Protein backbone atom coordinates (compact mmCIF):
# COMPACT_ATOMS: atom_id res chain seq x y z
CA MET A 1 -0.06 -0.11 0.26
CA PRO A 2 1.59 3.65 -0.84
CA ARG A 3 -0.47 4.69 2.05
CA VAL A 4 -2.43 4.29 5.85
CA PRO A 5 -5.74 3.13 4.45
CA GLY A 6 -8.88 5.14 5.79
CA GLY A 7 -11.05 7.60 5.02
CA ILE A 8 -12.62 9.00 1.59
CA ASP A 9 -8.96 8.04 -0.05
CA GLY A 10 -9.47 6.43 -3.42
CA VAL A 11 -6.55 3.59 -3.07
CA GLY A 12 -7.10 3.09 0.53
CA ASP A 13 -11.05 2.66 0.14
CA TYR A 14 -10.59 -0.21 -2.55
CA ALA A 15 -7.74 -2.14 -0.53
CA LEU A 16 -9.83 -1.97 2.85
CA THR A 17 -12.95 -2.87 0.63
CA LEU A 18 -11.43 -5.86 -0.92
CA ALA A 19 -9.70 -6.78 2.33
CA ALA A 20 -13.44 -6.94 4.07
CA LYS A 21 -14.62 -9.00 1.37
CA LEU A 22 -11.62 -11.50 1.27
CA MET A 23 -12.16 -11.96 5.08
CA ASP A 24 -16.40 -12.46 4.92
CA LYS A 25 -16.13 -14.37 1.77
CA PHE A 26 -13.32 -16.63 1.83
CA GLY A 27 -11.84 -16.45 5.45
CA CYS A 28 -8.71 -14.88 3.79
CA GLY A 29 -6.76 -12.35 6.30
CA THR A 30 -5.04 -9.46 5.55
CA VAL A 31 -1.88 -7.18 6.57
CA PHE A 32 -1.41 -3.87 5.09
CA VAL A 33 2.26 -2.83 4.81
CA THR A 34 2.89 0.90 3.45
CA PRO A 35 6.05 3.01 3.58
CA ASP A 36 3.51 6.24 4.94
CA ALA A 37 3.63 3.71 8.43
CA SER A 38 5.97 4.40 11.10
CA SER A 39 5.02 2.52 12.98
CA PRO A 40 2.02 -0.67 13.65
CA SER A 41 -1.48 0.18 13.96
CA VAL A 42 -5.04 -1.19 13.34
CA ILE A 43 -7.14 0.02 10.80
CA ARG A 44 -10.87 -1.45 10.86
CA GLY A 45 -9.48 -4.44 12.14
CA PHE A 46 -6.82 -4.75 9.87
CA ASP A 47 -2.78 -4.67 10.99
CA VAL A 48 -1.28 -1.81 9.64
CA LEU A 49 2.74 -2.59 9.30
CA PRO A 50 5.94 0.06 8.39
CA ILE A 51 7.76 -1.01 5.40
CA ASP A 52 10.50 -2.55 7.20
CA ARG A 53 8.40 -5.27 8.34
CA LEU A 54 7.39 -6.31 5.35
CA PRO A 55 9.94 -9.15 4.64
CA ALA A 56 8.79 -10.72 7.73
CA ALA A 57 5.27 -9.92 6.66
CA ALA A 58 5.33 -11.85 3.46
CA GLU A 59 6.50 -14.74 5.08
CA ARG A 60 3.93 -16.02 6.44
CA ALA A 61 1.70 -14.19 3.52
CA ASP A 62 0.43 -16.01 0.63
CA PRO A 63 -0.49 -14.58 -1.98
CA ILE A 64 0.55 -10.92 -1.84
CA ILE A 65 -1.80 -8.00 -3.01
CA LEU A 66 0.35 -4.93 -4.57
CA HIS A 67 -1.38 -2.00 -5.25
CA TYR A 68 0.36 -0.10 -7.86
CA VAL A 69 0.54 3.56 -7.92
CA ASN A 70 3.92 4.98 -9.12
CA TYR A 71 3.45 8.22 -7.43
CA GLY A 72 2.11 6.44 -4.23
CA TYR A 73 5.69 5.17 -3.29
CA GLN A 74 8.06 7.56 -4.79
CA LYS A 75 7.23 11.41 -6.06
CA ARG A 76 8.32 11.45 -8.56
CA GLY A 77 6.29 8.20 -10.16
CA VAL A 78 9.89 5.96 -10.38
CA PRO A 79 9.93 4.06 -7.60
CA PHE A 80 12.58 1.81 -8.21
CA ARG A 81 13.45 0.80 -4.74
CA LEU A 82 10.00 -0.87 -4.74
CA LEU A 83 10.71 -3.31 -7.81
CA SER A 84 14.01 -4.38 -6.02
CA ILE A 85 11.74 -5.13 -3.02
CA LEU A 86 9.41 -7.20 -5.01
CA GLY A 87 11.90 -9.38 -6.87
CA LYS A 88 13.94 -9.96 -3.92
CA LEU A 89 10.35 -11.15 -2.57
CA ARG A 90 9.61 -13.39 -5.43
CA GLN A 91 13.16 -14.89 -5.03
CA GLN A 92 12.68 -15.45 -1.35
CA HIS A 93 8.94 -16.20 -0.64
CA GLY A 94 7.95 -17.00 -4.05
CA GLY A 95 3.69 -17.35 -3.86
CA SER A 96 1.29 -16.16 -5.86
CA LEU A 97 1.50 -12.13 -6.53
CA LEU A 98 -1.38 -9.90 -7.55
CA THR A 99 -0.67 -6.41 -9.00
CA ILE A 100 -3.57 -4.06 -9.28
CA PHE A 101 -2.46 -1.27 -11.55
CA HIS A 102 -4.31 1.75 -10.26
CA GLU A 103 -2.18 3.55 -12.70
CA LEU A 104 0.26 2.71 -15.48
CA TYR A 105 2.23 5.62 -15.90
CA ALA A 106 1.73 9.70 -15.87
CA SER A 107 1.58 12.39 -19.05
CA GLY A 108 1.87 16.18 -19.29
CA PRO A 109 3.19 19.19 -20.81
CA PRO A 110 7.18 19.17 -21.51
CA TRP A 111 7.25 21.37 -18.83
CA SER A 112 6.60 19.12 -16.36
CA SER A 113 8.55 16.33 -15.02
CA ALA A 114 5.76 13.44 -16.14
CA PHE A 115 6.65 14.40 -19.37
CA TRP A 116 10.34 13.68 -18.94
CA LEU A 117 10.08 10.98 -16.53
CA GLN A 118 7.76 9.13 -18.53
CA PRO A 119 9.82 6.34 -20.19
CA LEU A 120 11.25 5.04 -16.81
CA GLN A 121 7.28 4.82 -15.69
CA ILE A 122 6.72 2.96 -18.46
CA HIS A 123 9.41 0.89 -17.92
CA LEU A 124 8.50 0.22 -14.21
CA ALA A 125 5.19 -0.60 -15.19
CA LYS A 126 6.63 -3.35 -17.50
CA SER A 127 8.97 -4.95 -15.25
CA ILE A 128 6.60 -5.27 -12.47
CA ALA A 129 4.14 -6.79 -15.25
CA ARG A 130 6.59 -9.49 -16.19
CA LEU A 131 7.15 -10.30 -12.44
CA PRO A 132 5.00 -14.19 -12.66
CA CYS A 133 1.88 -12.08 -11.19
CA GLU A 134 -1.76 -11.67 -12.57
CA CYS A 135 -2.72 -7.90 -13.37
CA ILE A 136 -5.37 -6.18 -12.40
CA VAL A 137 -7.04 -2.35 -14.34
CA SER A 138 -9.82 -0.67 -14.04
CA SER A 139 -10.36 0.02 -17.44
CA GLU A 140 -10.00 -1.72 -21.04
CA ASN A 141 -7.99 1.42 -22.46
CA PHE A 142 -5.67 0.66 -19.02
CA VAL A 143 -6.12 -3.34 -20.82
CA ARG A 144 -4.97 -2.38 -24.57
CA GLU A 145 -2.03 -0.39 -23.05
CA LEU A 146 -1.04 -3.49 -20.65
CA ARG A 147 -0.80 -5.59 -23.42
CA ARG A 148 0.72 -3.29 -25.54
CA PHE A 149 3.52 -3.56 -23.06
CA ILE A 150 3.40 -7.19 -22.33
CA PRO A 151 1.23 -8.99 -24.87
CA ASP A 152 1.31 -12.16 -22.48
CA ALA A 153 0.23 -10.24 -19.31
CA ARG A 154 -2.22 -12.19 -17.70
CA VAL A 155 -4.48 -9.15 -17.60
CA HIS A 156 -8.01 -8.90 -15.68
CA LEU A 157 -10.64 -6.33 -15.93
CA HIS A 158 -12.31 -5.03 -13.00
CA PRO A 159 -13.47 -1.04 -12.34
CA VAL A 160 -12.99 0.14 -9.42
CA PRO A 161 -15.86 -0.20 -6.51
CA SER A 162 -17.22 2.23 -4.93
CA GLY A 163 -15.89 3.58 -1.60
CA LEU A 164 -18.63 4.67 0.13
CA GLY A 165 -20.43 1.65 0.10
CA GLU A 166 -23.11 -0.18 -2.09
CA PRO A 167 -26.74 0.61 -0.70
CA SER A 168 -29.63 -1.62 -1.96
CA LEU A 169 -32.01 1.00 -3.36
CA SER A 170 -35.43 1.08 -4.86
CA HIS A 171 -36.81 2.36 -7.94
CA ALA A 172 -38.86 4.75 -5.66
CA GLN A 173 -35.96 5.67 -3.89
CA ILE A 174 -33.82 6.37 -6.82
CA ALA A 175 -36.71 8.21 -8.74
CA ASN A 176 -37.99 10.36 -5.90
CA ARG A 177 -35.30 12.81 -5.31
CA ASP A 178 -34.60 16.65 -5.39
CA PRO A 179 -32.98 17.03 -9.22
CA HIS A 180 -31.52 20.69 -7.42
CA ARG A 181 -29.57 18.51 -5.03
CA TRP A 182 -25.87 17.62 -6.27
CA VAL A 183 -22.74 16.73 -4.77
CA ILE A 184 -18.69 16.93 -5.38
CA VAL A 185 -17.41 13.70 -3.65
CA GLY A 186 -13.64 13.32 -3.20
CA GLY A 187 -10.00 13.69 -2.06
CA THR A 188 -9.01 17.30 -1.19
CA ARG A 189 -7.56 18.07 -4.24
CA LEU A 190 -10.13 16.47 -6.71
CA SER A 191 -12.81 18.52 -4.50
CA GLU A 192 -10.97 21.75 -4.93
CA ARG A 193 -10.55 21.38 -8.61
CA SER A 194 -14.21 20.35 -9.12
CA LEU A 195 -15.60 23.08 -7.06
CA ARG A 196 -13.14 25.92 -9.21
CA ALA A 197 -14.63 24.06 -12.60
CA LEU A 198 -18.50 23.97 -11.48
CA SER A 199 -18.33 27.71 -10.47
CA VAL A 200 -17.41 29.02 -13.76
CA VAL A 201 -20.13 27.12 -15.67
CA ILE A 202 -22.65 26.93 -13.04
CA ARG A 203 -25.45 29.60 -14.64
CA GLY A 204 -25.42 27.77 -17.85
CA ILE A 205 -27.04 24.01 -16.25
CA PRO A 206 -30.63 24.25 -17.11
CA ASP A 207 -32.96 25.54 -14.70
CA SER A 208 -34.68 22.30 -14.42
CA ILE A 209 -31.66 21.04 -12.70
CA ALA A 210 -29.66 23.50 -11.90
CA PRO A 211 -27.67 23.07 -8.42
CA ARG A 212 -29.72 25.05 -5.45
CA THR A 213 -27.90 22.97 -2.90
CA LEU A 214 -24.16 21.74 -3.07
CA LEU A 215 -22.74 19.05 -1.02
CA VAL A 216 -18.81 18.68 -0.96
CA LEU A 217 -17.99 15.34 1.12
CA GLY A 218 -14.85 13.93 1.81
CA GLY A 219 -10.84 15.30 1.80
CA HIS A 220 -9.30 17.39 4.29
CA GLU A 221 -10.39 20.53 5.51
CA ASN A 222 -9.22 23.12 2.63
CA PRO A 223 -9.91 26.94 3.35
CA THR A 224 -9.59 27.26 -0.62
CA THR A 225 -12.41 24.74 -0.54
CA ARG A 226 -14.38 27.23 1.92
CA SER A 227 -13.74 30.70 0.03
CA LEU A 228 -14.96 29.18 -3.39
CA LEU A 229 -18.27 27.97 -1.74
CA VAL A 230 -18.86 31.57 -0.23
CA ASP A 231 -18.76 32.65 -3.70
CA LEU A 232 -21.50 30.44 -5.43
CA PRO A 233 -25.09 31.62 -5.63
CA ILE A 234 -26.36 28.71 -3.83
CA GLU A 235 -26.62 26.57 -0.62
CA TYR A 236 -23.78 24.77 0.47
CA ASP A 237 -22.69 22.18 3.00
CA TYR A 238 -19.17 21.26 3.16
CA ARG A 239 -18.08 17.92 4.72
CA PRO A 240 -14.39 17.20 5.00
CA GLY A 241 -13.41 14.26 6.96
CA ILE A 242 -17.00 12.98 6.85
CA ALA A 243 -17.75 9.13 8.04
CA LEU A 244 -18.27 6.67 5.26
CA ALA A 245 -22.11 5.43 6.49
CA GLU A 246 -23.07 9.49 6.48
CA ALA A 247 -21.51 10.10 2.71
CA SER A 248 -23.22 6.92 1.74
CA GLU A 249 -26.37 8.65 3.23
CA ILE A 250 -26.03 12.04 1.27
CA LEU A 251 -25.19 10.39 -1.79
CA SER A 252 -28.80 8.05 -1.58
CA SER A 253 -30.35 11.63 -1.37
CA CYS A 254 -28.16 13.35 -4.22
CA SER A 255 -29.58 13.57 -8.25
CA PHE A 256 -26.13 14.64 -9.63
CA ALA A 257 -22.56 14.41 -8.96
CA TRP A 258 -19.89 16.97 -10.60
CA PHE A 259 -16.24 16.03 -11.26
CA ASP A 260 -13.16 17.71 -12.87
CA TYR A 261 -11.23 14.78 -12.53
CA PHE A 262 -9.10 14.98 -15.65
CA HIS A 263 -6.04 17.59 -16.07
CA ARG A 264 -6.46 17.35 -20.16
CA PRO A 265 -9.76 17.04 -21.71
CA ASP A 266 -8.29 14.42 -24.56
CA ILE A 267 -8.00 11.87 -22.10
CA GLU A 268 -10.24 8.87 -22.65
CA THR A 269 -13.17 9.26 -20.47
CA ALA A 270 -13.18 5.43 -18.99
CA VAL A 271 -9.99 6.57 -17.39
CA ILE A 272 -12.34 7.22 -14.64
CA LEU A 273 -13.69 3.91 -13.84
CA LYS A 274 -10.03 4.20 -11.58
CA SER A 275 -11.67 6.72 -9.47
CA SER A 276 -13.62 5.13 -6.29
CA ALA A 277 -15.13 8.38 -5.92
CA PHE A 278 -17.29 7.99 -9.36
CA ALA A 279 -17.95 4.93 -8.25
CA SER A 280 -19.83 5.82 -5.51
CA ALA A 281 -21.43 7.97 -7.28
CA CYS A 282 -22.80 5.24 -9.78
CA ALA A 283 -23.26 3.08 -6.88
CA HIS A 284 -26.03 5.46 -5.10
CA GLY A 285 -27.92 6.24 -8.67
CA VAL A 286 -26.31 9.82 -9.03
CA ILE A 287 -25.10 10.75 -11.85
CA PRO A 288 -21.68 12.05 -12.97
CA VAL A 289 -21.63 15.32 -15.00
CA PHE A 290 -18.13 16.69 -16.43
CA PRO A 291 -17.03 20.16 -17.94
CA HIS A 292 -16.14 19.36 -20.90
CA SER A 293 -17.49 16.51 -23.54
CA GLY A 294 -15.88 12.82 -23.39
CA SER A 295 -15.67 9.53 -24.89
CA THR A 296 -17.81 6.41 -24.22
CA ILE A 297 -17.35 4.59 -20.82
CA SER A 298 -18.22 1.50 -21.25
CA VAL A 299 -17.31 -2.51 -19.88
CA LYS A 300 -17.47 -5.22 -22.68
CA GLY A 301 -19.85 -3.48 -24.88
CA ASP A 302 -22.17 -2.34 -22.49
CA HIS A 303 -22.42 1.26 -22.25
CA LEU A 304 -22.82 3.68 -19.02
CA PRO A 305 -25.35 6.21 -19.55
CA GLY A 306 -23.37 9.86 -20.97
CA PRO A 307 -20.89 10.91 -20.58
CA PHE A 308 -22.92 14.33 -19.72
CA PHE A 309 -21.20 17.67 -19.19
CA VAL A 310 -21.70 21.64 -19.20
CA SER A 311 -18.59 23.59 -20.77
CA ARG A 312 -19.30 27.36 -21.34
CA GLY A 313 -20.31 26.55 -24.86
CA GLU A 314 -22.00 23.57 -24.77
CA LYS A 315 -24.07 21.07 -22.84
CA ASP A 316 -25.53 17.80 -22.80
CA VAL A 317 -27.29 16.75 -19.59
CA PRO A 318 -30.25 14.67 -18.41
CA SER A 319 -33.77 16.70 -18.46
CA LEU A 320 -35.78 16.43 -15.46
CA SER A 321 -38.38 13.81 -16.82
CA ASN A 322 -35.65 11.38 -17.95
CA ARG A 323 -33.39 12.36 -15.01
CA ALA A 324 -35.04 9.07 -12.39
CA ALA A 325 -34.59 6.36 -15.49
CA ILE A 326 -30.77 7.50 -16.19
CA SER A 327 -30.42 7.50 -12.53
CA GLN A 328 -31.50 4.16 -12.53
CA SER A 329 -29.67 2.89 -15.89
CA ILE A 330 -26.35 4.24 -14.07
CA TYR A 331 -27.07 1.98 -10.78
CA ASP A 332 -28.14 -1.10 -12.53
CA TRP A 333 -24.95 -0.51 -14.93
CA TYR A 334 -22.73 -0.60 -11.61
CA GLN A 335 -24.47 -3.70 -10.37
CA ARG A 336 -23.26 -5.22 -14.01
CA HIS A 337 -19.85 -4.44 -13.97
CA ALA A 338 -18.50 -2.70 -10.59
CA SER A 339 -19.73 -4.09 -7.68
CA SER A 340 -17.06 -4.89 -4.60
CA ASP A 341 -18.78 -8.72 -5.10
CA LEU A 342 -17.60 -8.97 -8.65
CA LEU A 343 -14.39 -7.79 -7.71
CA VAL A 344 -13.19 -9.81 -4.85
CA ASN A 345 -14.82 -12.79 -7.00
CA GLY A 346 -12.54 -11.97 -9.78
CA VAL A 347 -9.52 -11.72 -7.23
CA ALA A 348 -10.51 -14.95 -5.73
CA GLU A 349 -10.50 -16.38 -9.08
CA ALA A 350 -6.78 -15.06 -10.15
CA LEU A 351 -5.47 -16.20 -6.92
CA GLY A 352 -7.29 -19.36 -6.93
CA LEU A 353 -8.76 -18.95 -3.56
CA SER A 354 -11.99 -21.23 -2.74
CA GLU A 355 -15.08 -19.62 -1.07
CA ARG A 356 -15.67 -20.18 2.32
CA ARG A 357 -18.48 -22.55 3.72
């Protein structure tokens, strides 16, 4: 793990959800090891150890699951030390290894380090995929990219599940919502970026669904976010550090979620399937809306409704009359392709685990 799991934190939410499901369904315990921990601790009943405890933990662990986030392990996204540690573990302990690629490499303009370091980041992703392991990625884009690097890689596709629960919602609970209740959910930086983008286009959203109340959930306390909210011409409720159950309850009351997830508008929109915040919206029947148009989001040819967007020059959003049907379709699509049960079953199949009776 790159960081100590816990809170509304994409990779941490994913890892904790997976660990809980593995325990409940397969009786498989999890110990987290992370360079972010200075001493042993316990999070939601799971041990969390510093990185120097990894060799000892690996001796009693089979399989090993690697959550690969290159910038999570090294500030420039080139964690060569991680590759060295993995290589030694494979030599000393063998056993099964599953690598979950939350990202492969970064891209950016020529003045950014991501531009110059991309070849090294690709080299590291290739090297880790070449280890005798199974791989999981979150979108068909990543499947194609990883197989371009390593044609014979053993790659499985599983979109990231919700980090805020997966409530069972009736059609009435989805249909009978206030169409003017919007939400921004995610970490500190995502929330701030999304709020900036929304403030630019908020007056261009059709009156029939325009936000009158905005909920901002997750991340850490951020003075910039608070100042941006003050300037909006609507009611707002800012909840940094919100408990997961409370966030789920609020999401279940919202109609639209606003996401400014991408740094560049030319990235394929399906990459959003690596976001647990996006998955959380879908799992609660909340319609995601972006600040620019995008490409189709699909799994196995099954298209998610949208993508919907509002920009300065144009927009494509649901009407008031079809809002409920689209919300229901998004909720159903999530159950077919992105639920945590589907993920844990895929992980178990990749690792040869047997379900607990």
